[in-house]
Amino acid sequence: MSFLNLRKTKKEAPEPAKKLPVREAAVKKSAAVQSASNSAVESGAMYVVLRHPRVTEKASAMSERGAYVFGVSKTANKREIAKAVRLFYNVTPVKVRVVTMPPKRVFIKGRIGFRGGGKKAYVYLKPGQKIEIV
């Protein structure tokens, strides 16, 4: 007879949470959230934009001429990349070029597979500025 729910007891509904007035709710917010500047908020999102510096022979040759290569997010655009480089490395990019790399077809153990593509950015700096990539 349990499938008819005849033995079910009534439970008291929990009381709804009391809402604080608007002024008290604003005071209760943490000071860290209120004092967070736009640059700090944006810096959290900028970690997603720049993935890693690309260290290759071509990239190291270009870095001597003031151009640096970074692997970036697939959804990143030039302005976001320039802002992220300015924020993390304290340099001013003059120009940003973005290249979308297509996925490549590879054979693994006799089967066809794909190596994921991606996006890379060439960031050109003002003369005299450098980025230390170790």
N, C-alpha and C. Protein backbone atom coordinates (compact mmCIF):
# COMPACT_ATOMS: atom_id res chain seq x y z
N MET A 1 0.79 -1.20 0.00
CA MET A 1 0.00 0.00 0.00
C MET A 1 0.84 1.27 0.00
N SER A 2 2.16 1.11 0.03
CA SER A 2 3.00 2.29 0.10
C SER A 2 2.95 3.09 -1.19
N PHE A 3 2.55 2.45 -2.27
CA PHE A 3 2.52 3.18 -3.53
C PHE A 3 1.37 4.17 -3.60
N LEU A 4 0.45 4.09 -2.68
CA LEU A 4 -0.64 5.06 -2.63
C LEU A 4 -0.35 6.22 -1.69
N ASN A 5 0.81 6.17 -1.02
CA ASN A 5 1.23 7.22 -0.10
C ASN A 5 0.23 7.45 1.03
N LEU A 6 -0.35 6.38 1.54
CA LEU A 6 -1.31 6.51 2.61
C LEU A 6 -0.65 6.79 3.95
N ARG A 7 0.58 6.36 4.14
CA ARG A 7 1.25 6.52 5.43
C ARG A 7 2.10 7.80 5.49
N LYS A 8 2.06 8.59 4.48
CA LYS A 8 2.88 9.79 4.45
C LYS A 8 2.39 10.78 5.50
N THR A 9 3.32 11.32 6.27
CA THR A 9 2.95 12.31 7.27
C THR A 9 3.15 13.70 6.71
N LYS A 10 2.42 14.62 7.26
CA LYS A 10 2.54 15.99 6.79
C LYS A 10 3.76 16.63 7.41
N LYS A 11 4.55 17.28 6.59
CA LYS A 11 5.73 17.99 7.08
C LYS A 11 5.44 19.48 7.02
N GLU A 12 5.97 20.18 7.98
CA GLU A 12 5.77 21.62 7.99
C GLU A 12 6.68 22.26 6.95
N ALA A 13 6.14 23.18 6.23
CA ALA A 13 6.92 23.88 5.22
C ALA A 13 7.88 24.83 5.90
N PRO A 14 9.15 24.90 5.43
CA PRO A 14 10.09 25.83 6.05
C PRO A 14 9.66 27.27 5.83
N GLU A 15 9.95 28.08 6.81
CA GLU A 15 9.59 29.48 6.70
C GLU A 15 10.44 30.15 5.64
N PRO A 16 9.84 31.02 4.85
CA PRO A 16 10.64 31.70 3.83
C PRO A 16 11.66 32.63 4.48
N ALA A 17 12.79 32.77 3.84
CA ALA A 17 13.86 33.61 4.38
C ALA A 17 13.42 35.06 4.36
N LYS A 18 13.77 35.75 5.43
CA LYS A 18 13.41 37.16 5.51
C LYS A 18 14.34 37.97 4.64
N LYS A 19 13.76 38.87 3.90
CA LYS A 19 14.56 39.75 3.05
C LYS A 19 14.94 40.99 3.84
N LEU A 20 16.20 41.36 3.73
CA LEU A 20 16.67 42.57 4.39
C LEU A 20 16.29 43.77 3.54
N PRO A 21 16.06 44.89 4.18
CA PRO A 21 15.84 46.10 3.38
C PRO A 21 17.07 46.40 2.53
N VAL A 22 16.88 47.17 1.49
CA VAL A 22 17.94 47.43 0.52
C VAL A 22 19.16 48.05 1.19
N ARG A 23 18.98 48.96 2.09
CA ARG A 23 20.12 49.63 2.72
C ARG A 23 20.94 48.65 3.55
N GLU A 24 20.28 47.79 4.32
CA GLU A 24 21.00 46.84 5.15
C GLU A 24 21.73 45.81 4.30
N ALA A 25 21.12 45.40 3.19
CA ALA A 25 21.77 44.43 2.31
C ALA A 25 23.03 45.01 1.71
N ALA A 26 23.01 46.30 1.38
CA ALA A 26 24.18 46.95 0.80
C ALA A 26 25.31 47.05 1.83
N VAL A 27 24.96 47.28 3.08
CA VAL A 27 25.96 47.38 4.13
C VAL A 27 26.58 46.01 4.41
N LYS A 28 25.80 44.95 4.29
CA LYS A 28 26.27 43.60 4.60
C LYS A 28 27.26 43.06 3.57
N LYS A 29 27.28 43.64 2.37
CA LYS A 29 28.22 43.15 1.36
C LYS A 29 29.65 43.34 1.84
N SER A 30 30.49 42.43 1.43
CA SER A 30 31.88 42.52 1.89
C SER A 30 32.57 43.72 1.26
N ALA A 31 33.52 44.25 2.00
CA ALA A 31 34.25 45.42 1.53
C ALA A 31 35.10 45.08 0.32
N ALA A 32 35.55 43.84 0.22
CA ALA A 32 36.38 43.45 -0.91
C ALA A 32 35.61 43.51 -2.21
N VAL A 33 34.35 43.11 -2.18
CA VAL A 33 33.54 43.14 -3.39
C VAL A 33 33.27 44.58 -3.80
N GLN A 34 32.99 45.43 -2.84
CA GLN A 34 32.68 46.81 -3.15
C GLN A 34 33.90 47.58 -3.66
N SER A 35 35.08 47.29 -3.11
CA SER A 35 36.26 48.06 -3.47
C SER A 35 37.02 47.47 -4.65
N ALA A 36 36.53 46.38 -5.22
CA ALA A 36 37.23 45.77 -6.36
C ALA A 36 37.16 46.73 -7.54
N SER A 37 38.31 47.01 -8.10
CA SER A 37 38.34 47.92 -9.24
C SER A 37 38.06 47.15 -10.51
N ASN A 38 37.82 47.88 -11.58
CA ASN A 38 37.55 47.24 -12.86
C ASN A 38 38.75 46.45 -13.34
N SER A 39 39.96 46.93 -13.09
CA SER A 39 41.14 46.22 -13.56
C SER A 39 41.29 44.88 -12.86
N ALA A 40 40.93 44.82 -11.57
CA ALA A 40 41.03 43.54 -10.85
C ALA A 40 39.99 42.56 -11.37
N VAL A 41 38.80 43.06 -11.65
CA VAL A 41 37.76 42.20 -12.18
C VAL A 41 38.14 41.71 -13.57
N GLU A 42 38.68 42.60 -14.37
CA GLU A 42 39.08 42.23 -15.72
C GLU A 42 40.26 41.28 -15.71
N SER A 43 41.14 41.38 -14.71
CA SER A 43 42.31 40.52 -14.69
C SER A 43 41.93 39.07 -14.53
N GLY A 44 40.84 38.79 -13.83
CA GLY A 44 40.37 37.42 -13.72
C GLY A 44 39.99 36.86 -15.06
N ALA A 45 39.37 37.68 -15.88
CA ALA A 45 38.98 37.23 -17.22
C ALA A 45 40.18 37.19 -18.15
N MET A 46 41.22 37.98 -17.87
CA MET A 46 42.38 38.02 -18.75
C MET A 46 43.23 36.77 -18.65
N TYR A 47 43.12 36.04 -17.53
CA TYR A 47 43.87 34.80 -17.42
C TYR A 47 43.40 33.80 -18.47
N VAL A 48 42.16 33.92 -18.89
CA VAL A 48 41.61 33.00 -19.88
C VAL A 48 42.09 33.38 -21.28
N VAL A 49 42.35 34.64 -21.52
CA VAL A 49 42.73 35.10 -22.86
C VAL A 49 44.11 34.61 -23.24
N LEU A 50 45.13 34.93 -22.46
CA LEU A 50 46.50 34.50 -22.75
C LEU A 50 46.72 33.13 -22.14
N ARG A 51 46.93 32.14 -22.97
CA ARG A 51 47.15 30.80 -22.43
C ARG A 51 48.61 30.57 -22.10
N HIS A 52 49.50 30.80 -23.05
CA HIS A 52 50.92 30.56 -22.82
C HIS A 52 51.73 31.24 -23.91
N PRO A 53 52.96 31.62 -23.60
CA PRO A 53 53.85 32.12 -24.66
C PRO A 53 54.33 30.93 -25.48
N ARG A 54 54.40 31.11 -26.78
CA ARG A 54 54.88 30.04 -27.66
C ARG A 54 56.39 30.18 -27.81
N VAL A 55 57.12 29.18 -27.37
CA VAL A 55 58.57 29.21 -27.42
C VAL A 55 59.02 28.28 -28.54
N THR A 56 59.30 28.86 -29.70
CA THR A 56 59.78 28.13 -30.86
C THR A 56 60.96 28.89 -31.44
N GLU A 57 61.59 28.31 -32.43
CA GLU A 57 62.71 29.01 -33.07
C GLU A 57 62.24 30.28 -33.74
N LYS A 58 61.12 30.20 -34.43
CA LYS A 58 60.58 31.38 -35.12
C LYS A 58 60.19 32.46 -34.11
N ALA A 59 59.57 32.05 -33.01
CA ALA A 59 59.15 33.02 -32.00
C ALA A 59 60.34 33.68 -31.33
N SER A 60 61.40 32.92 -31.06
CA SER A 60 62.57 33.52 -30.43
C SER A 60 63.29 34.46 -31.39
N ALA A 61 63.28 34.15 -32.67
CA ALA A 61 63.88 35.06 -33.65
C ALA A 61 63.06 36.35 -33.75
N MET A 62 61.75 36.23 -33.66
CA MET A 62 60.89 37.42 -33.73
C MET A 62 61.00 38.27 -32.47
N SER A 63 61.25 37.63 -31.33
CA SER A 63 61.33 38.39 -30.08
C SER A 63 62.52 39.33 -30.07
N GLU A 64 63.56 39.00 -30.82
CA GLU A 64 64.71 39.91 -30.93
C GLU A 64 64.34 41.18 -31.68
N ARG A 65 63.30 41.09 -32.52
CA ARG A 65 62.85 42.26 -33.27
C ARG A 65 61.66 42.96 -32.63
N GLY A 66 61.25 42.49 -31.43
CA GLY A 66 60.18 43.19 -30.71
C GLY A 66 58.80 42.60 -30.92
N ALA A 67 58.69 41.38 -31.46
CA ALA A 67 57.40 40.74 -31.65
C ALA A 67 57.39 39.45 -30.83
N TYR A 68 56.32 39.23 -30.09
CA TYR A 68 56.21 38.05 -29.23
C TYR A 68 54.98 37.25 -29.63
N VAL A 69 55.07 35.93 -29.47
CA VAL A 69 54.00 35.04 -29.91
C VAL A 69 53.38 34.37 -28.69
N PHE A 70 52.04 34.39 -28.62
CA PHE A 70 51.30 33.79 -27.52
C PHE A 70 50.22 32.87 -28.07
N GLY A 71 50.00 31.77 -27.37
CA GLY A 71 48.82 30.96 -27.63
C GLY A 71 47.66 31.59 -26.88
N VAL A 72 46.55 31.83 -27.56
CA VAL A 72 45.43 32.53 -26.94
C VAL A 72 44.16 31.70 -27.06
N SER A 73 43.13 32.13 -26.38
CA SER A 73 41.83 31.47 -26.42
C SER A 73 41.23 31.60 -27.81
N LYS A 74 40.41 30.63 -28.19
CA LYS A 74 39.79 30.66 -29.52
C LYS A 74 38.80 31.80 -29.67
N THR A 75 38.27 32.29 -28.56
CA THR A 75 37.27 33.35 -28.62
C THR A 75 37.87 34.74 -28.40
N ALA A 76 39.18 34.83 -28.19
CA ALA A 76 39.81 36.12 -27.88
C ALA A 76 39.90 36.98 -29.14
N ASN A 77 39.77 38.29 -28.95
CA ASN A 77 39.96 39.21 -30.06
C ASN A 77 41.18 40.08 -29.80
N LYS A 78 41.53 40.94 -30.76
CA LYS A 78 42.76 41.72 -30.67
C LYS A 78 42.78 42.65 -29.47
N ARG A 79 41.67 43.28 -29.19
CA ARG A 79 41.62 44.23 -28.08
C ARG A 79 41.82 43.53 -26.73
N GLU A 80 41.18 42.37 -26.57
CA GLU A 80 41.35 41.62 -25.32
C GLU A 80 42.79 41.15 -25.15
N ILE A 81 43.42 40.73 -26.24
CA ILE A 81 44.80 40.27 -26.19
C ILE A 81 45.72 41.42 -25.81
N ALA A 82 45.52 42.59 -26.43
CA ALA A 82 46.35 43.75 -26.12
C ALA A 82 46.18 44.17 -24.66
N LYS A 83 44.95 44.13 -24.16
CA LYS A 83 44.69 44.50 -22.77
C LYS A 83 45.35 43.52 -21.80
N ALA A 84 45.32 42.23 -22.14
CA ALA A 84 45.92 41.21 -21.28
C ALA A 84 47.44 41.36 -21.24
N VAL A 85 48.06 41.63 -22.37
CA VAL A 85 49.52 41.81 -22.42
C VAL A 85 49.91 43.06 -21.63
N ARG A 86 49.14 44.13 -21.77
CA ARG A 86 49.41 45.36 -21.04
C ARG A 86 49.28 45.11 -19.54
N LEU A 87 48.32 44.32 -19.13
CA LEU A 87 48.07 44.06 -17.71
C LEU A 87 49.14 43.18 -17.09
N PHE A 88 49.51 42.07 -17.75
CA PHE A 88 50.42 41.10 -17.16
C PHE A 88 51.89 41.48 -17.29
N TYR A 89 52.28 42.06 -18.41
CA TYR A 89 53.69 42.32 -18.66
C TYR A 89 54.08 43.79 -18.54
N ASN A 90 53.14 44.68 -18.29
CA ASN A 90 53.40 46.12 -18.13
C ASN A 90 54.14 46.70 -19.32
N VAL A 91 53.72 46.35 -20.52
CA VAL A 91 54.26 46.90 -21.75
C VAL A 91 53.09 47.36 -22.60
N THR A 92 53.39 48.23 -23.58
CA THR A 92 52.32 48.72 -24.44
C THR A 92 52.45 48.12 -25.83
N PRO A 93 51.50 47.27 -26.22
CA PRO A 93 51.53 46.71 -27.57
C PRO A 93 51.16 47.75 -28.61
N VAL A 94 51.91 47.75 -29.70
CA VAL A 94 51.64 48.66 -30.80
C VAL A 94 50.67 48.02 -31.77
N LYS A 95 50.87 46.73 -32.02
CA LYS A 95 50.06 46.03 -33.00
C LYS A 95 49.88 44.59 -32.55
N VAL A 96 48.71 44.02 -32.86
CA VAL A 96 48.43 42.62 -32.56
C VAL A 96 47.91 41.97 -33.83
N ARG A 97 48.53 40.87 -34.20
CA ARG A 97 48.06 40.09 -35.34
C ARG A 97 47.60 38.74 -34.82
N VAL A 98 46.48 38.24 -35.31
CA VAL A 98 45.92 37.00 -34.83
C VAL A 98 45.84 36.00 -35.97
N VAL A 99 46.27 34.75 -35.69
CA VAL A 99 46.25 33.69 -36.69
C VAL A 99 45.45 32.52 -36.12
N THR A 100 44.46 32.05 -36.88
CA THR A 100 43.71 30.87 -36.49
C THR A 100 44.34 29.67 -37.14
N MET A 101 44.75 28.71 -36.33
CA MET A 101 45.40 27.51 -36.86
C MET A 101 44.35 26.41 -37.01
N PRO A 102 44.24 25.80 -38.18
CA PRO A 102 43.24 24.76 -38.37
C PRO A 102 43.66 23.46 -37.70
N PRO A 103 42.71 22.59 -37.38
CA PRO A 103 43.08 21.28 -36.85
C PRO A 103 43.79 20.46 -37.91
N LYS A 104 44.77 19.65 -37.50
CA LYS A 104 45.55 18.87 -38.45
C LYS A 104 45.15 17.40 -38.37
N ARG A 105 45.16 16.75 -39.51
CA ARG A 105 44.80 15.34 -39.59
C ARG A 105 46.05 14.50 -39.31
N VAL A 106 45.94 13.55 -38.38
CA VAL A 106 47.08 12.71 -38.02
C VAL A 106 46.64 11.26 -38.01
N PHE A 107 47.61 10.36 -38.15
CA PHE A 107 47.35 8.93 -38.05
C PHE A 107 47.95 8.42 -36.75
N ILE A 108 47.11 7.82 -35.92
CA ILE A 108 47.56 7.27 -34.65
C ILE A 108 47.14 5.80 -34.60
N LYS A 109 48.13 4.91 -34.54
CA LYS A 109 47.88 3.47 -34.50
C LYS A 109 46.99 3.01 -35.64
N GLY A 110 47.23 3.54 -36.82
CA GLY A 110 46.49 3.13 -38.00
C GLY A 110 45.12 3.76 -38.14
N ARG A 111 44.76 4.64 -37.24
CA ARG A 111 43.45 5.29 -37.32
C ARG A 111 43.62 6.78 -37.57
N ILE A 112 42.64 7.35 -38.21
CA ILE A 112 42.68 8.77 -38.50
C ILE A 112 42.16 9.54 -37.29
N GLY A 113 42.89 10.55 -36.91
CA GLY A 113 42.48 11.42 -35.81
C GLY A 113 42.79 12.86 -36.16
N PHE A 114 42.45 13.75 -35.27
CA PHE A 114 42.71 15.16 -35.49
C PHE A 114 43.42 15.75 -34.28
N ARG A 115 44.45 16.52 -34.58
CA ARG A 115 45.13 17.29 -33.54
C ARG A 115 44.44 18.63 -33.53
N GLY A 116 44.01 19.07 -32.37
CA GLY A 116 43.23 20.29 -32.28
C GLY A 116 43.96 21.51 -32.79
N GLY A 117 43.24 22.39 -33.40
CA GLY A 117 43.81 23.64 -33.88
C GLY A 117 43.92 24.62 -32.72
N GLY A 118 43.81 25.87 -33.01
CA GLY A 118 43.89 26.88 -31.96
C GLY A 118 44.05 28.26 -32.55
N LYS A 119 44.52 29.16 -31.73
CA LYS A 119 44.70 30.53 -32.15
C LYS A 119 45.99 31.04 -31.53
N LYS A 120 46.76 31.77 -32.31
CA LYS A 120 47.96 32.39 -31.76
C LYS A 120 47.98 33.86 -32.15
N ALA A 121 48.66 34.63 -31.32
CA ALA A 121 48.70 36.07 -31.53
C ALA A 121 50.15 36.53 -31.58
N TYR A 122 50.44 37.38 -32.54
CA TYR A 122 51.74 38.05 -32.64
C TYR A 122 51.55 39.44 -32.07
N VAL A 123 52.27 39.74 -30.98
CA VAL A 123 52.14 41.03 -30.30
C VAL A 123 53.41 41.82 -30.55
N TYR A 124 53.28 42.99 -31.17
CA TYR A 124 54.41 43.86 -31.47
C TYR A 124 54.46 44.97 -30.43
N LEU A 125 55.65 45.19 -29.85
CA LEU A 125 55.82 46.18 -28.78
C LEU A 125 56.51 47.43 -29.30
N LYS A 126 56.47 48.48 -28.46
CA LYS A 126 57.20 49.69 -28.78
C LYS A 126 58.70 49.40 -28.75
N PRO A 127 59.48 50.13 -29.52
CA PRO A 127 60.93 49.91 -29.48
C PRO A 127 61.49 50.17 -28.09
N GLY A 128 62.37 49.28 -27.65
CA GLY A 128 62.99 49.42 -26.34
C GLY A 128 62.29 48.62 -25.24
N GLN A 129 61.07 48.15 -25.49
CA GLN A 129 60.37 47.35 -24.49
C GLN A 129 60.61 45.87 -24.74
N LYS A 130 60.68 45.10 -23.67
CA LYS A 130 60.93 43.66 -23.78
C LYS A 130 60.04 42.92 -22.80
N ILE A 131 59.78 41.66 -23.14
CA ILE A 131 59.08 40.73 -22.24
C ILE A 131 60.05 39.61 -21.92
N GLU A 132 60.22 39.32 -20.64
CA GLU A 132 61.11 38.23 -20.23
C GLU A 132 60.31 36.95 -20.19
N ILE A 133 60.57 36.06 -21.13
CA ILE A 133 59.92 34.74 -21.17
C ILE A 133 60.99 33.72 -20.85
N VAL A 134 60.82 33.04 -19.74
CA VAL A 134 61.84 32.07 -19.30
C VAL A 134 61.45 30.69 -19.71
